[in-house]
Structures are given as C-alpha cells and as structure tokens.
C-alpha cells in the first residue's frame, strides 16, 4: 500500500509518519485490497485534525477526525476508516451464494 502523509501548518515528524504507518497496518489486516492512502495532518489554533482518503477496489473512502492531540486524532481517524473499510468489504461479498445453497438443500 502506498501511503502519502502531508502536513498543513505542522511539520510532520518521523515519529508521526511511523505512527500513521503503524496504524494503517490495522486497515490492511481487515481488507487487503487497499491500494493507496493519503493522510493530511492539520493544526488549526488548538485543534489537531487528521483526514484521509483511501483508494480501495471499487471506490474511495474518506474520513476525518479532530482532537486536541494529534495522536488521538489519528487514532479516531483510523477507527472511522476501519469501520468504513469493513462495511465496504461486506458490500463486495456475494450474499446470494448462501441463499442459493439453502434453496438447493430444500429442493433436494
């Protein structure tokens, strides 16, 4: 997976980059078809905002999170992305296959 990390009004340190990459591994565990991820870390007065756009097979997933701490904002962002990725994966599964197996068992 290609990960791009950009900072607006904040210098993205190596520790922040490593933290984002570490958290992205959680997304890859749930759904292995994540192609590209672009993270934008922003500081606006006292609030830290993390937003991401992830390219997956079948579309894009966007999420953002705001918190007083950048690491907490990244945690909240990855949790939101994880829920969306799992939901996207469920949509891609063929649910009709199970119904066909049940109807065939009834006919026999």
N, C-alpha and C. Protein backbone atom coordinates (compact mmCIF):
# COMPACT_ATOMS: atom_id res chain seq x y z
N UNK A 1 0.85 -1.18 0.00
CA UNK A 1 0.00 0.00 0.00
C UNK A 1 0.89 1.24 0.00
N UNK A 2 0.56 2.18 -0.84
CA UNK A 2 1.27 3.45 -0.94
C UNK A 2 0.65 4.43 0.07
N UNK A 3 1.47 4.99 0.96
CA UNK A 3 0.98 5.92 1.98
C UNK A 3 1.66 7.26 1.78
N UNK A 4 0.86 8.31 1.58
CA UNK A 4 1.35 9.68 1.48
C UNK A 4 0.88 10.45 2.71
N UNK A 5 1.79 11.17 3.36
CA UNK A 5 1.45 11.93 4.55
C UNK A 5 1.85 13.38 4.31
N UNK A 6 0.88 14.29 4.46
CA UNK A 6 1.10 15.70 4.23
C UNK A 6 0.73 16.48 5.48
N UNK A 7 1.44 17.56 5.75
CA UNK A 7 1.13 18.40 6.90
C UNK A 7 0.78 19.80 6.48
N UNK A 8 -0.27 20.35 7.06
CA UNK A 8 -0.67 21.74 6.85
C UNK A 8 -0.48 22.48 8.17
N UNK A 9 0.35 23.48 8.17
CA UNK A 9 0.65 24.27 9.36
C UNK A 9 1.29 23.43 10.46
N UNK A 10 1.88 22.32 10.08
CA UNK A 10 2.56 21.45 11.03
C UNK A 10 3.66 20.71 10.28
N UNK A 11 4.79 20.54 10.93
CA UNK A 11 5.86 19.76 10.35
C UNK A 11 5.63 18.30 10.74
N UNK A 12 5.56 17.44 9.75
CA UNK A 12 5.30 16.03 10.01
C UNK A 12 6.63 15.37 10.38
N UNK A 13 6.75 15.00 11.64
CA UNK A 13 7.99 14.39 12.12
C UNK A 13 8.03 12.91 11.75
N UNK A 14 9.20 12.33 11.92
CA UNK A 14 9.35 10.90 11.63
C UNK A 14 8.49 10.05 12.56
N UNK A 15 8.34 10.49 13.81
CA UNK A 15 7.52 9.72 14.74
C UNK A 15 6.05 9.73 14.33
N UNK A 16 5.55 10.86 13.82
CA UNK A 16 4.17 10.92 13.33
C UNK A 16 4.00 10.03 12.10
N UNK A 17 4.96 10.07 11.19
CA UNK A 17 4.88 9.22 10.00
C UNK A 17 4.86 7.75 10.38
N UNK A 18 5.72 7.37 11.30
CA UNK A 18 5.78 5.98 11.73
C UNK A 18 4.48 5.57 12.43
N UNK A 19 3.90 6.48 13.22
CA UNK A 19 2.65 6.20 13.92
C UNK A 19 1.51 5.97 12.92
N UNK A 20 1.45 6.79 11.89
CA UNK A 20 0.41 6.64 10.87
C UNK A 20 0.59 5.32 10.13
N UNK A 21 1.82 5.00 9.77
CA UNK A 21 2.08 3.73 9.06
C UNK A 21 1.73 2.52 9.92
N UNK A 22 2.04 2.62 11.21
CA UNK A 22 1.72 1.53 12.14
C UNK A 22 0.22 1.32 12.23
N UNK A 23 -0.52 2.43 12.29
CA UNK A 23 -1.98 2.34 12.40
C UNK A 23 -2.61 1.84 11.09
N UNK A 24 -1.98 2.12 9.96
CA UNK A 24 -2.52 1.67 8.67
C UNK A 24 -2.44 0.16 8.52
N UNK A 25 -1.57 -0.48 9.24
CA UNK A 25 -1.48 -1.93 9.17
C UNK A 25 -2.78 -2.57 9.66
N UNK A 26 -3.48 -1.90 10.55
CA UNK A 26 -4.77 -2.38 11.03
C UNK A 26 -5.78 -2.45 9.88
N UNK A 27 -5.73 -1.46 8.98
CA UNK A 27 -6.64 -1.45 7.83
C UNK A 27 -6.32 -2.58 6.87
N UNK A 28 -5.03 -2.86 6.68
CA UNK A 28 -4.63 -3.92 5.76
C UNK A 28 -5.02 -5.30 6.28
N UNK A 29 -5.09 -5.45 7.60
CA UNK A 29 -5.49 -6.74 8.16
C UNK A 29 -6.93 -7.07 7.80
N UNK A 30 -7.79 -6.05 7.79
CA UNK A 30 -9.21 -6.28 7.54
C UNK A 30 -9.53 -6.39 6.06
N UNK A 31 -8.78 -5.67 5.24
CA UNK A 31 -9.11 -5.60 3.81
C UNK A 31 -7.81 -5.45 3.05
N UNK A 32 -7.42 -6.46 2.30
CA UNK A 32 -6.11 -6.44 1.65
C UNK A 32 -6.11 -5.73 0.30
N UNK A 33 -7.24 -5.20 -0.14
CA UNK A 33 -7.30 -4.51 -1.43
C UNK A 33 -7.19 -3.00 -1.30
N UNK A 34 -6.54 -2.51 -0.25
CA UNK A 34 -6.29 -1.08 -0.12
C UNK A 34 -5.10 -0.74 -1.00
N UNK A 35 -5.31 0.16 -1.97
CA UNK A 35 -4.29 0.46 -2.96
C UNK A 35 -3.43 1.64 -2.53
N UNK A 36 -4.07 2.72 -2.12
CA UNK A 36 -3.37 3.97 -1.87
C UNK A 36 -4.04 4.70 -0.71
N UNK A 37 -3.25 5.38 0.10
CA UNK A 37 -3.80 6.16 1.22
C UNK A 37 -3.10 7.51 1.26
N UNK A 38 -3.87 8.57 1.41
CA UNK A 38 -3.33 9.91 1.52
C UNK A 38 -3.83 10.54 2.81
N UNK A 39 -2.91 10.84 3.72
CA UNK A 39 -3.24 11.43 5.01
C UNK A 39 -2.84 12.89 5.01
N UNK A 40 -3.71 13.74 5.56
CA UNK A 40 -3.42 15.16 5.72
C UNK A 40 -3.57 15.49 7.21
N UNK A 41 -2.49 15.96 7.80
CA UNK A 41 -2.48 16.34 9.22
C UNK A 41 -2.45 17.86 9.29
N UNK A 42 -3.40 18.46 10.00
CA UNK A 42 -3.56 19.91 10.04
C UNK A 42 -3.66 20.39 11.48
N UNK A 43 -3.10 21.56 11.75
CA UNK A 43 -3.25 22.21 13.05
C UNK A 43 -3.97 23.53 12.82
N UNK A 44 -5.10 23.72 13.51
CA UNK A 44 -5.88 24.95 13.44
C UNK A 44 -6.09 25.45 14.86
N UNK A 45 -5.39 26.47 15.23
CA UNK A 45 -5.40 27.02 16.58
C UNK A 45 -5.08 25.92 17.59
N UNK A 46 -6.03 25.51 18.40
CA UNK A 46 -5.77 24.49 19.41
C UNK A 46 -6.21 23.09 18.98
N UNK A 47 -6.83 22.97 17.82
CA UNK A 47 -7.35 21.68 17.37
C UNK A 47 -6.41 21.04 16.34
N UNK A 48 -6.24 19.75 16.48
CA UNK A 48 -5.46 18.97 15.54
C UNK A 48 -6.42 18.14 14.72
N UNK A 49 -6.29 18.19 13.41
CA UNK A 49 -7.21 17.50 12.52
C UNK A 49 -6.42 16.51 11.66
N UNK A 50 -6.93 15.32 11.57
CA UNK A 50 -6.36 14.29 10.70
C UNK A 50 -7.45 13.85 9.73
N UNK A 51 -7.12 13.83 8.44
CA UNK A 51 -8.07 13.38 7.45
C UNK A 51 -7.36 12.46 6.46
N UNK A 52 -8.12 11.56 5.87
CA UNK A 52 -7.52 10.59 4.97
C UNK A 52 -8.48 10.22 3.86
N UNK A 53 -7.90 9.95 2.70
CA UNK A 53 -8.63 9.41 1.57
C UNK A 53 -7.94 8.11 1.19
N UNK A 54 -8.69 7.04 1.15
CA UNK A 54 -8.13 5.73 0.84
C UNK A 54 -8.77 5.22 -0.45
N UNK A 55 -7.92 4.80 -1.36
CA UNK A 55 -8.38 4.19 -2.60
C UNK A 55 -8.46 2.68 -2.39
N UNK A 56 -9.64 2.13 -2.57
CA UNK A 56 -9.84 0.69 -2.46
C UNK A 56 -10.47 0.20 -3.77
N UNK A 57 -10.43 -1.09 -3.94
CA UNK A 57 -11.07 -1.65 -5.12
C UNK A 57 -12.56 -1.33 -5.05
N UNK A 58 -13.03 -0.58 -6.01
CA UNK A 58 -14.45 -0.25 -6.03
C UNK A 58 -14.78 1.15 -5.56
N UNK A 59 -13.79 1.98 -5.22
CA UNK A 59 -14.09 3.35 -4.83
C UNK A 59 -13.09 3.98 -3.91
N UNK A 60 -13.51 5.11 -3.35
CA UNK A 60 -12.70 5.87 -2.39
C UNK A 60 -13.42 5.91 -1.06
N UNK A 61 -12.62 5.96 0.00
CA UNK A 61 -13.18 6.10 1.35
C UNK A 61 -12.52 7.31 1.98
N UNK A 62 -13.34 8.22 2.53
CA UNK A 62 -12.84 9.44 3.16
C UNK A 62 -13.32 9.49 4.60
N UNK A 63 -12.42 9.97 5.47
CA UNK A 63 -12.80 10.19 6.87
C UNK A 63 -11.92 11.29 7.45
N UNK A 64 -12.42 11.94 8.50
CA UNK A 64 -11.61 12.92 9.20
C UNK A 64 -11.96 12.87 10.69
N UNK A 65 -11.02 13.36 11.49
CA UNK A 65 -11.21 13.38 12.94
C UNK A 65 -10.47 14.57 13.51
N UNK A 66 -11.03 15.17 14.55
CA UNK A 66 -10.45 16.34 15.19
C UNK A 66 -10.33 16.07 16.68
N UNK A 67 -9.19 16.50 17.26
CA UNK A 67 -8.97 16.32 18.68
C UNK A 67 -7.92 17.34 19.13
N UNK A 68 -7.73 17.45 20.42
CA UNK A 68 -6.73 18.38 20.95
C UNK A 68 -5.33 17.81 20.85
N UNK A 69 -5.21 16.50 20.63
CA UNK A 69 -3.92 15.83 20.49
C UNK A 69 -3.86 15.16 19.12
N UNK A 70 -2.75 15.31 18.40
CA UNK A 70 -2.64 14.75 17.05
C UNK A 70 -2.71 13.23 17.06
N UNK A 71 -2.08 12.59 18.03
CA UNK A 71 -2.11 11.14 18.10
C UNK A 71 -3.52 10.62 18.36
N UNK A 72 -4.28 11.31 19.20
CA UNK A 72 -5.67 10.93 19.46
C UNK A 72 -6.52 11.13 18.20
N UNK A 73 -6.25 12.19 17.45
CA UNK A 73 -6.97 12.44 16.20
C UNK A 73 -6.68 11.33 15.19
N UNK A 74 -5.43 10.88 15.12
CA UNK A 74 -5.06 9.79 14.21
C UNK A 74 -5.75 8.49 14.64
N UNK A 75 -5.79 8.23 15.95
CA UNK A 75 -6.48 7.03 16.45
C UNK A 75 -7.96 7.04 16.06
N UNK A 76 -8.62 8.17 16.26
CA UNK A 76 -10.04 8.28 15.93
C UNK A 76 -10.25 8.13 14.42
N UNK A 77 -9.35 8.70 13.64
CA UNK A 77 -9.43 8.61 12.19
C UNK A 77 -9.31 7.16 11.72
N UNK A 78 -8.35 6.44 12.25
CA UNK A 78 -8.15 5.05 11.83
C UNK A 78 -9.34 4.18 12.26
N UNK A 79 -9.92 4.47 13.41
CA UNK A 79 -11.12 3.73 13.83
C UNK A 79 -12.27 3.96 12.85
N UNK A 80 -12.46 5.21 12.43
CA UNK A 80 -13.51 5.51 11.45
C UNK A 80 -13.24 4.81 10.12
N UNK A 81 -11.99 4.88 9.68
CA UNK A 81 -11.63 4.24 8.42
C UNK A 81 -11.82 2.73 8.49
N UNK A 82 -11.48 2.15 9.62
CA UNK A 82 -11.62 0.72 9.80
C UNK A 82 -13.08 0.29 9.67
N UNK A 83 -13.97 1.04 10.31
CA UNK A 83 -15.41 0.73 10.21
C UNK A 83 -15.88 0.84 8.76
N UNK A 84 -15.42 1.88 8.06
CA UNK A 84 -15.85 2.07 6.67
C UNK A 84 -15.29 0.98 5.75
N UNK A 85 -14.05 0.57 6.00
CA UNK A 85 -13.44 -0.47 5.18
C UNK A 85 -14.16 -1.80 5.38
N UNK A 86 -14.49 -2.13 6.62
CA UNK A 86 -15.23 -3.36 6.89
C UNK A 86 -16.59 -3.32 6.22
N UNK A 87 -17.26 -2.18 6.28
CA UNK A 87 -18.57 -2.02 5.63
C UNK A 87 -18.44 -2.17 4.12
N UNK A 88 -17.38 -1.59 3.55
CA UNK A 88 -17.14 -1.70 2.11
C UNK A 88 -16.89 -3.15 1.72
N UNK A 89 -16.13 -3.86 2.52
CA UNK A 89 -15.82 -5.26 2.24
C UNK A 89 -17.10 -6.10 2.27
N UNK A 90 -17.99 -5.82 3.22
CA UNK A 90 -19.26 -6.55 3.30
C UNK A 90 -20.11 -6.32 2.06
N UNK A 91 -20.05 -5.10 1.51
CA UNK A 91 -20.83 -4.81 0.32
C UNK A 91 -20.31 -5.59 -0.89
N UNK A 92 -19.01 -5.85 -0.92
CA UNK A 92 -18.42 -6.55 -2.06
C UNK A 92 -18.67 -8.05 -2.03
N UNK A 93 -18.98 -8.60 -0.86
CA UNK A 93 -19.21 -10.04 -0.77
C UNK A 93 -20.51 -10.42 -1.48
N UNK A 94 -20.52 -11.61 -2.03
CA UNK A 94 -21.71 -12.11 -2.70
C UNK A 94 -22.61 -12.78 -1.67
N UNK A 95 -23.66 -12.12 -1.27
CA UNK A 95 -24.56 -12.65 -0.25
C UNK A 95 -25.58 -13.63 -0.84
N UNK A 96 -25.75 -13.63 -2.14
CA UNK A 96 -26.74 -14.50 -2.77
C UNK A 96 -26.29 -15.96 -2.77
N UNK A 97 -25.01 -16.17 -2.68
CA UNK A 97 -24.49 -17.54 -2.73
C UNK A 97 -25.05 -18.38 -1.58
N UNK A 98 -25.12 -17.82 -0.39
CA UNK A 98 -25.66 -18.55 0.75
C UNK A 98 -27.14 -18.85 0.56
N UNK A 99 -27.87 -17.93 -0.03
CA UNK A 99 -29.29 -18.15 -0.27
C UNK A 99 -29.50 -19.28 -1.27
N UNK A 100 -28.65 -19.35 -2.28
CA UNK A 100 -28.76 -20.42 -3.29
C UNK A 100 -28.51 -21.77 -2.68
N UNK A 101 -27.56 -21.88 -1.77
CA UNK A 101 -27.26 -23.16 -1.13
C UNK A 101 -28.43 -23.63 -0.29
N UNK A 102 -29.11 -22.71 0.38
CA UNK A 102 -30.26 -23.07 1.20
C UNK A 102 -31.42 -23.53 0.32
N UNK A 103 -31.66 -22.85 -0.78
CA UNK A 103 -32.78 -23.21 -1.65
C UNK A 103 -32.53 -24.55 -2.32
N UNK A 104 -31.28 -24.87 -2.65
CA UNK A 104 -30.97 -26.16 -3.25
C UNK A 104 -31.17 -27.28 -2.24
N UNK A 105 -30.82 -27.03 -0.98
CA UNK A 105 -30.99 -28.06 0.06
C UNK A 105 -32.47 -28.34 0.27
N UNK A 106 -33.31 -27.34 0.16
CA UNK A 106 -34.76 -27.51 0.35
C UNK A 106 -35.35 -28.29 -0.80
N UNK A 107 -34.88 -28.07 -2.02
CA UNK A 107 -35.40 -28.75 -3.19
C UNK A 107 -35.03 -30.23 -3.20
N UNK A 108 -33.90 -30.58 -2.65
CA UNK A 108 -33.46 -31.97 -2.65
C UNK A 108 -34.24 -32.71 -1.65
